Amino acid sequence: MVKKYDRHVLHENPKIEVVHIKWPPGAESRPHDHGKSYGKVKVLSGKVFQLVFDKKTKKFLRRDVMVAGDVMIETPDLIHIMGNDSKTEIAETLHVYTPKLVMKYYSLAMFKWPGMPKLKKKRRRKSWPPKENLTKKWGPKL
């Protein structure tokens, strides 16, 4: 089962949103975009990863790993999965978005990356995603 993370909104108004996220070991987000918002994320502690996908084609673009002090930019044209890259250490990030964030979530099954098993469309599963961390198992490594 994918581990959850703690998300705390520190400040918000229609023009800006500031969020602090605490990522337990192995925690990750679901695939999502940031609507029309632009953002910056600063890693405060630990090591985080993101899997980035093209919003139009849903194809895998890259895997980034950031450590404390690193800053990354988020744009409306990407979909990503973000999470803690460590199995033992907590990670923390500070996110600033403008305008206020409105995220859209996506099913993991719609994305394409090398090595990901193909799902049979007719096969029914009791639950999707499975109770395991798929990005750790099948996500591409650099």
C-alpha atoms as a PDB file:
ATOM      1  CA  MET A   1       0.000   0.000   0.000  1.00  0.00           C
ATOM      2  CA  VAL A   2       1.282   3.469  -0.879  1.00  0.00           C
ATOM      3  CA  LYS A   3       2.149   5.379   2.295  1.00  0.00           C
ATOM      4  CA  LYS A   4       0.476   8.720   2.881  1.00  0.00           C
ATOM      5  CA  TYR A   5       2.194  11.997   3.620  1.00  0.00           C
ATOM      6  CA  ASP A   6       1.292  14.968   5.827  1.00  0.00           C
ATOM      7  CA  ARG A   7       0.278  18.078   3.863  1.00  0.00           C
ATOM      8  CA  HIS A   8      -0.232  21.350   5.763  1.00  0.00           C
ATOM      9  CA  VAL A   9      -1.377  24.567   4.092  1.00  0.00           C
ATOM     10  CA  LEU A  10       0.577  27.384   5.767  1.00  0.00           C
ATOM     11  CA  HIS A  11      -0.974  30.267   3.803  1.00  0.00           C
ATOM     12  CA  GLU A  12      -3.515  30.624   1.026  1.00  0.00           C
ATOM     13  CA  ASN A  13      -5.428  33.251  -0.868  1.00  0.00           C
ATOM     14  CA  PRO A  14      -6.603  33.382  -4.509  1.00  0.00           C
ATOM     15  CA  LYS A  15      -3.124  34.468  -5.698  1.00  0.00           C
ATOM     16  CA  ILE A  16      -0.794  32.195  -3.696  1.00  0.00           C
ATOM     17  CA  GLU A  17      -0.651  28.976  -1.681  1.00  0.00           C
ATOM     18  CA  VAL A  18       2.180  27.887   0.611  1.00  0.00           C
ATOM     19  CA  VAL A  19       2.304  24.229   1.672  1.00  0.00           C
ATOM     20  CA  HIS A  20       4.613  22.194   3.926  1.00  0.00           C
ATOM     21  CA  ILE A  21       4.777  18.433   3.273  1.00  0.00           C
ATOM     22  CA  LYS A  22       6.307  15.835   5.571  1.00  0.00           C
ATOM     23  CA  TRP A  23       7.130  12.625   3.685  1.00  0.00           C
ATOM     24  CA  PRO A  24       7.520   9.469   5.811  1.00  0.00           C
ATOM     25  CA  PRO A  25       9.956   6.863   4.420  1.00  0.00           C
ATOM     26  CA  GLY A  26       8.543   5.405   1.192  1.00  0.00           C
ATOM     27  CA  ALA A  27       5.615   7.856   0.974  1.00  0.00           C
ATOM     28  CA  GLU A  28       4.566   9.169  -2.417  1.00  0.00           C
ATOM     29  CA  SER A  29       1.799  11.141  -4.092  1.00  0.00           C
ATOM     30  CA  ARG A  30      -0.654   9.918  -6.674  1.00  0.00           C
ATOM     31  CA  PRO A  31      -0.059  11.150 -10.246  1.00  0.00           C
ATOM     32  CA  HIS A  32      -1.293  14.734 -10.441  1.00  0.00           C
ATOM     33  CA  ASP A  33      -0.949  18.047 -12.212  1.00  0.00           C
ATOM     34  CA  HIS A  34      -1.119  21.564 -10.795  1.00  0.00           C
ATOM     35  CA  GLY A  35      -3.891  22.949 -12.954  1.00  0.00           C
ATOM     36  CA  LYS A  36      -2.958  26.463 -14.058  1.00  0.00           C
ATOM     37  CA  SER A  37      -0.513  27.009 -11.206  1.00  0.00           C
ATOM     38  CA  TYR A  38       3.232  27.502 -11.365  1.00  0.00           C
ATOM     39  CA  GLY A  39       5.211  26.426  -8.333  1.00  0.00           C
ATOM     40  CA  LYS A  40       8.559  26.138  -6.642  1.00  0.00           C
ATOM     41  CA  VAL A  41       9.464  23.342  -4.260  1.00  0.00           C
ATOM     42  CA  LYS A  42      12.381  23.520  -1.860  1.00  0.00           C
ATOM     43  CA  VAL A  43      13.617  20.364  -0.184  1.00  0.00           C
ATOM     44  CA  LEU A  44      14.071  21.219   3.500  1.00  0.00           C
ATOM     45  CA  SER A  45      15.387  17.832   4.624  1.00  0.00           C
ATOM     46  CA  GLY A  46      15.938  14.335   3.299  1.00  0.00           C
ATOM     47  CA  LYS A  47      15.808  13.180  -0.309  1.00  0.00           C
ATOM     48  CA  VAL A  48      12.737  13.289  -2.577  1.00  0.00           C
ATOM     49  CA  PHE A  49      12.067  12.048  -6.102  1.00  0.00           C
ATOM     50  CA  GLN A  50       9.677  12.943  -8.838  1.00  0.00           C
ATOM     51  CA  LEU A  51       8.594  10.948 -11.865  1.00  0.00           C
ATOM     52  CA  VAL A  52       7.639  13.430 -14.597  1.00  0.00           C
ATOM     53  CA  PHE A  53       5.220  12.666 -17.435  1.00  0.00           C
ATOM     54  CA  ASP A  54       4.159  14.646 -20.504  1.00  0.00           C
ATOM     55  CA  LYS A  55       0.638  15.954 -19.917  1.00  0.00           C
ATOM     56  CA  LYS A  56      -0.516  15.337 -23.511  1.00  0.00           C
ATOM     57  CA  THR A  57       1.046  11.935 -24.321  1.00  0.00           C
ATOM     58  CA  LYS A  58       1.305  10.567 -20.745  1.00  0.00           C
ATOM     59  CA  LYS A  59       4.801   9.310 -21.643  1.00  0.00           C
ATOM     60  CA  PHE A  60       7.517   9.152 -19.019  1.00  0.00           C
ATOM     61  CA  LEU A  61      10.037  11.997 -19.380  1.00  0.00           C
ATOM     62  CA  ARG A  62      12.444  11.699 -16.469  1.00  0.00           C
ATOM     63  CA  ARG A  63      13.127  10.789 -12.851  1.00  0.00           C
ATOM     64  CA  ASP A  64      14.591  13.546 -10.696  1.00  0.00           C
ATOM     65  CA  VAL A  65      16.090  13.205  -7.237  1.00  0.00           C
ATOM     66  CA  MET A  66      16.484  16.278  -5.031  1.00  0.00           C
ATOM     67  CA  VAL A  67      18.220  16.645  -1.667  1.00  0.00           C
ATOM     68  CA  ALA A  68      18.042  19.242   1.109  1.00  0.00           C
ATOM     69  CA  GLY A  69      18.625  22.717  -0.320  1.00  0.00           C
ATOM     70  CA  ASP A  70      17.560  21.825  -3.880  1.00  0.00           C
ATOM     71  CA  VAL A  71      14.757  23.794  -5.553  1.00  0.00           C
ATOM     72  CA  MET A  72      12.598  22.604  -8.423  1.00  0.00           C
ATOM     73  CA  ILE A  73      10.048  24.399 -10.584  1.00  0.00           C
ATOM     74  CA  GLU A  74       6.598  22.992 -11.340  1.00  0.00           C
ATOM     75  CA  THR A  75       4.656  24.113 -14.408  1.00  0.00           C
ATOM     76  CA  PRO A  76       1.093  23.565 -15.672  1.00  0.00           C
ATOM     77  CA  ASP A  77       2.320  21.337 -18.526  1.00  0.00           C
ATOM     78  CA  LEU A  78       3.549  18.469 -16.359  1.00  0.00           C
ATOM     79  CA  ILE A  79       2.084  15.568 -14.457  1.00  0.00           C
ATOM     80  CA  HIS A  80       4.212  14.022 -11.774  1.00  0.00           C
ATOM     81  CA  ILE A  81       4.450  11.642  -8.878  1.00  0.00           C
ATOM     82  CA  MET A  82       6.474  12.929  -5.968  1.00  0.00           C
ATOM     83  CA  GLY A  83       7.723  11.053  -2.926  1.00  0.00           C
ATOM     84  CA  ASN A  84      10.393  10.244  -0.377  1.00  0.00           C
ATOM     85  CA  ASP A  85      13.351   8.496  -2.024  1.00  0.00           C
ATOM     86  CA  SER A  86      14.519   7.004   1.305  1.00  0.00           C
ATOM     87  CA  LYS A  87      13.258   3.894   3.063  1.00  0.00           C
ATOM     88  CA  THR A  88      14.576   5.055   6.442  1.00  0.00           C
ATOM     89  CA  GLU A  89      14.639   8.881   6.626  1.00  0.00           C
ATOM     90  CA  ILE A  90      11.823  11.446   6.746  1.00  0.00           C
ATOM     91  CA  ALA A  91      11.868  14.157   4.061  1.00  0.00           C
ATOM     92  CA  GLU A  92      10.282  17.623   4.198  1.00  0.00           C
ATOM     93  CA  THR A  93       9.438  20.026   1.388  1.00  0.00           C
ATOM     94  CA  LEU A  94       8.091  23.586   1.139  1.00  0.00           C
ATOM     95  CA  HIS A  95       5.837  24.345  -1.858  1.00  0.00           C
ATOM     96  CA  VAL A  96       4.764  27.780  -3.138  1.00  0.00           C
ATOM     97  CA  TYR A  97       2.139  27.983  -5.916  1.00  0.00           C
ATOM     98  CA  THR A  98       0.585  30.843  -7.873  1.00  0.00           C
ATOM     99  CA  PRO A  99      -2.307  31.102  -8.407  1.00  0.00           C
ATOM    100  CA  LYS A 100      -3.771  29.009  -5.590  1.00  0.00           C
ATOM    101  CA  LEU A 101      -3.339  25.312  -6.368  1.00  0.00           C
ATOM    102  CA  VAL A 102      -6.131  23.252  -7.934  1.00  0.00           C
ATOM    103  CA  MET A 103      -4.773  19.739  -8.583  1.00  0.00           C
ATOM    104  CA  LYS A 104      -6.179  17.084 -10.879  1.00  0.00           C
ATOM    105  CA  TYR A 105      -5.397  13.455 -10.027  1.00  0.00           C
ATOM    106  CA  TYR A 106      -4.806  10.695 -12.586  1.00  0.00           C
ATOM    107  CA  SER A 107      -4.893   6.909 -12.595  1.00  0.00           C
ATOM    108  CA  LEU A 108      -1.455   5.292 -12.630  1.00  0.00           C
ATOM    109  CA  ALA A 109      -2.702   2.926 -15.340  1.00  0.00           C
ATOM    110  CA  MET A 110      -2.796   5.714 -17.970  1.00  0.00           C
ATOM    111  CA  PHE A 111       0.954   6.355 -17.943  1.00  0.00           C
ATOM    112  CA  LYS A 112       3.621   4.799 -20.134  1.00  0.00           C
ATOM    113  CA  TRP A 113       7.194   4.148 -19.090  1.00  0.00           C
ATOM    114  CA  PRO A 114       9.834   1.592 -20.032  1.00  0.00           C
ATOM    115  CA  GLY A 115       9.517  -1.706 -18.185  1.00  0.00           C
ATOM    116  CA  MET A 116       6.000  -1.113 -16.888  1.00  0.00           C
ATOM    117  CA  PRO A 117       3.887  -4.224 -17.381  1.00  0.00           C
ATOM    118  CA  LYS A 118       0.911  -3.921 -19.717  1.00  0.00           C
ATOM    119  CA  LEU A 119      -2.445  -4.408 -18.058  1.00  0.00           C
ATOM    120  CA  LYS A 120      -5.050  -6.585 -19.722  1.00  0.00           C
ATOM    121  CA  LYS A 121      -8.150  -4.485 -20.249  1.00  0.00           C
ATOM    122  CA  LYS A 122     -10.618  -7.339 -19.734  1.00  0.00           C
ATOM    123  CA  ARG A 123      -9.049  -8.592 -16.530  1.00  0.00           C
ATOM    124  CA  ARG A 124     -10.802  -7.313 -13.438  1.00  0.00           C
ATOM    125  CA  ARG A 125      -8.870  -6.513 -10.305  1.00  0.00           C
ATOM    126  CA  LYS A 126     -10.329  -6.138  -6.860  1.00  0.00           C
ATOM    127  CA  SER A 127      -8.450  -2.900  -6.420  1.00  0.00           C
ATOM    128  CA  TRP A 128      -6.180  -0.616  -8.414  1.00  0.00           C
ATOM    129  CA  PRO A 129      -3.517   0.328  -7.705  1.00  0.00           C
ATOM    130  CA  PRO A 130      -2.355  -2.846  -5.973  1.00  0.00           C
ATOM    131  CA  LYS A 131      -1.371  -2.615  -2.323  1.00  0.00           C
ATOM    132  CA  GLU A 132       2.262  -2.100  -3.232  1.00  0.00           C
ATOM    133  CA  ASN A 133       4.358   0.845  -4.225  1.00  0.00           C
ATOM    134  CA  LEU A 134       4.304   0.667  -8.034  1.00  0.00           C
ATOM    135  CA  THR A 135       6.627   3.574  -8.749  1.00  0.00           C
ATOM    136  CA  LYS A 136       9.328   1.985  -6.610  1.00  0.00           C
ATOM    137  CA  LYS A 137       8.823  -1.407  -8.295  1.00  0.00           C
ATOM    138  CA  TRP A 138       8.399  -0.361 -11.921  1.00  0.00           C
ATOM    139  CA  GLY A 139       9.465   3.295 -12.085  1.00  0.00           C
ATOM    140  CA  PRO A 140      12.504   3.870 -14.230  1.00  0.00           C
ATOM    141  CA  LYS A 141      15.795   4.589 -12.501  1.00  0.00           C
ATOM    142  CA  LEU A 142      18.438   6.891 -13.904  1.00  0.00           C
END
